[in-house]
Protein backbone atom coordinates (compact mmCIF):
# COMPACT_ATOMS: atom_id res chain seq x y z
CA UNK A 1 0.00 0.00 0.00
CA UNK A 2 1.21 3.47 -0.83
CA UNK A 3 0.23 6.48 1.24
CA UNK A 4 1.25 9.54 -0.74
CA UNK A 5 0.80 13.28 -0.59
CA UNK A 6 -0.89 14.44 -3.77
CA UNK A 7 -2.31 17.67 -5.10
CA UNK A 8 -5.59 18.08 -6.97
CA UNK A 9 -4.30 19.58 -10.21
CA UNK A 10 -7.67 20.04 -11.89
CA UNK A 11 -10.66 21.91 -10.50
CA UNK A 12 -13.39 20.43 -8.33
CA UNK A 13 -15.66 20.10 -11.36
CA UNK A 14 -15.73 20.95 -15.09
CA UNK A 15 -17.05 24.41 -14.18
CA UNK A 16 -14.15 25.09 -11.76
CA UNK A 17 -11.46 27.06 -13.60
CA UNK A 18 -9.07 26.95 -10.61
CA UNK A 19 -8.80 30.75 -10.78
CA UNK A 20 -7.89 30.77 -7.08
CA UNK A 21 -4.52 29.13 -7.85
CA UNK A 22 -1.64 30.53 -9.87
CA UNK A 23 -0.22 28.81 -12.92
CA UNK A 24 3.13 28.65 -11.11
CA UNK A 25 1.58 26.85 -8.13
CA UNK A 26 0.03 24.20 -10.37
CA UNK A 27 3.26 23.75 -12.36
CA UNK A 28 5.27 23.38 -9.14
CA UNK A 29 2.97 20.63 -7.92
CA UNK A 30 3.00 18.91 -11.32
CA UNK A 31 6.81 18.67 -11.09
CA UNK A 32 6.54 17.21 -7.56
CA UNK A 33 3.74 14.73 -8.38
CA UNK A 34 4.38 11.65 -6.23
CA UNK A 35 2.37 9.42 -8.56
CA UNK A 36 4.49 10.38 -11.57
CA UNK A 37 7.67 10.01 -9.50
CA UNK A 38 6.61 6.50 -8.47
CA UNK A 39 5.82 5.65 -12.10
CA UNK A 40 9.31 6.80 -13.14
CA UNK A 41 10.89 4.81 -10.32
CA UNK A 42 9.07 1.65 -11.42
CA UNK A 43 10.03 2.20 -15.07
CA UNK A 44 13.68 2.93 -14.25
CA UNK A 45 13.89 -0.18 -12.06
CA UNK A 46 12.34 -2.16 -14.95
CA UNK A 47 9.62 -3.47 -12.65
CA UNK A 48 7.04 -2.29 -15.19
CA UNK A 49 7.12 -1.21 -18.81
CA UNK A 50 5.18 1.58 -20.50
CA UNK A 51 3.04 -1.07 -22.19
CA UNK A 52 2.28 -2.67 -18.79
CA UNK A 53 1.15 0.71 -17.50
CA UNK A 54 -0.94 1.47 -20.61
CA UNK A 55 -2.58 -1.96 -20.41
CA UNK A 56 -3.39 -1.40 -16.73
CA UNK A 57 -4.75 2.10 -17.42
CA UNK A 58 -6.94 0.81 -20.27
CA UNK A 59 -8.32 -1.92 -18.01
CA UNK A 60 -9.09 0.55 -15.23
CA UNK A 61 -10.76 2.99 -17.64
CA UNK A 62 -12.90 0.17 -19.08
CA UNK A 63 -13.94 -0.93 -15.58
CA UNK A 64 -14.82 2.62 -14.50
CA UNK A 65 -16.80 3.19 -17.72
CA UNK A 66 -18.72 -0.04 -17.09
CA UNK A 67 -19.52 1.14 -13.54
CA UNK A 68 -20.83 4.45 -14.91
CA UNK A 69 -23.06 2.58 -17.35
CA UNK A 70 -24.42 0.43 -14.54
CA UNK A 71 -24.95 3.46 -12.29
CA UNK A 72 -27.30 5.09 -14.83
CA UNK A 73 -29.12 1.86 -15.69
CA UNK A 74 -32.48 1.97 -13.82
CA UNK A 75 -32.67 -1.84 -13.72
CA UNK A 76 -29.16 -2.35 -12.36
CA UNK A 77 -29.33 0.65 -10.03
CA UNK A 78 -32.95 1.53 -9.23
CA UNK A 79 -33.54 4.98 -7.79
CA UNK A 80 -34.53 5.37 -4.16
CA UNK A 81 -37.68 7.46 -3.65
CA UNK A 82 -36.84 10.92 -2.30
CA UNK A 83 -39.11 10.42 0.70
CA UNK A 84 -37.25 7.25 1.75
CA UNK A 85 -35.11 7.14 4.91
CA UNK A 86 -32.89 4.48 3.32
CA UNK A 87 -30.30 7.00 2.07
CA UNK A 88 -29.53 8.19 5.60
CA UNK A 89 -29.40 4.64 6.90
CA UNK A 90 -26.88 3.41 4.34
CA UNK A 91 -24.73 6.56 4.14
CA UNK A 92 -24.31 7.45 7.80
CA UNK A 93 -23.64 5.09 10.66
CA UNK A 94 -24.18 7.75 13.36
CA UNK A 95 -21.26 6.19 15.18
CA UNK A 96 -18.04 7.90 16.18
CA UNK A 97 -14.60 6.32 15.88
CA UNK A 98 -11.96 8.11 17.93
CA UNK A 99 -8.99 6.39 16.26
CA UNK A 100 -8.28 3.28 14.25
CA UNK A 101 -4.96 2.12 15.62
CA UNK A 102 -2.55 3.27 18.30
CA UNK A 103 0.67 2.22 16.55
CA UNK A 104 2.94 4.72 14.83
CA UNK A 105 3.03 4.62 11.01
CA UNK A 106 6.08 3.03 9.39
CA UNK A 107 7.89 5.67 7.36
CA UNK A 108 10.49 5.39 4.62
CA UNK A 109 11.71 8.88 5.48
CA UNK A 110 11.56 10.83 8.73
CA UNK A 111 8.81 13.52 8.72
CA UNK A 112 11.33 16.27 9.49
CA UNK A 113 13.31 15.42 6.34
CA UNK A 114 10.30 15.18 4.03
CA UNK A 115 10.00 18.31 1.85
CA UNK A 116 6.31 17.71 1.14
CA UNK A 117 5.45 17.54 4.82
CA UNK A 118 7.46 20.70 5.52
């Protein structure tokens, strides 16, 4: 499992022009993109090839597209009546979890030395 610090490069939605961020800010984060850095590391170590990555991406895109098709299919995903209490029951547990685990996370690099954390 990878736990990485990322930056939302695009807006919140197609109508969000990200006018609240400068071009320089976005470019800086694009250069520091941990996902692209990991991709390069895997390619340089010859763990994966570009064709492996493209094949994986195509499979993921096909799966996501199939999920979208199912989500709008009224037979596969019937709509819940607006007056139903089911939405609240399945979306919210009304329970509070103080913390998941007491152990410290295992880190590859100390927090104090990590430029992204700083």
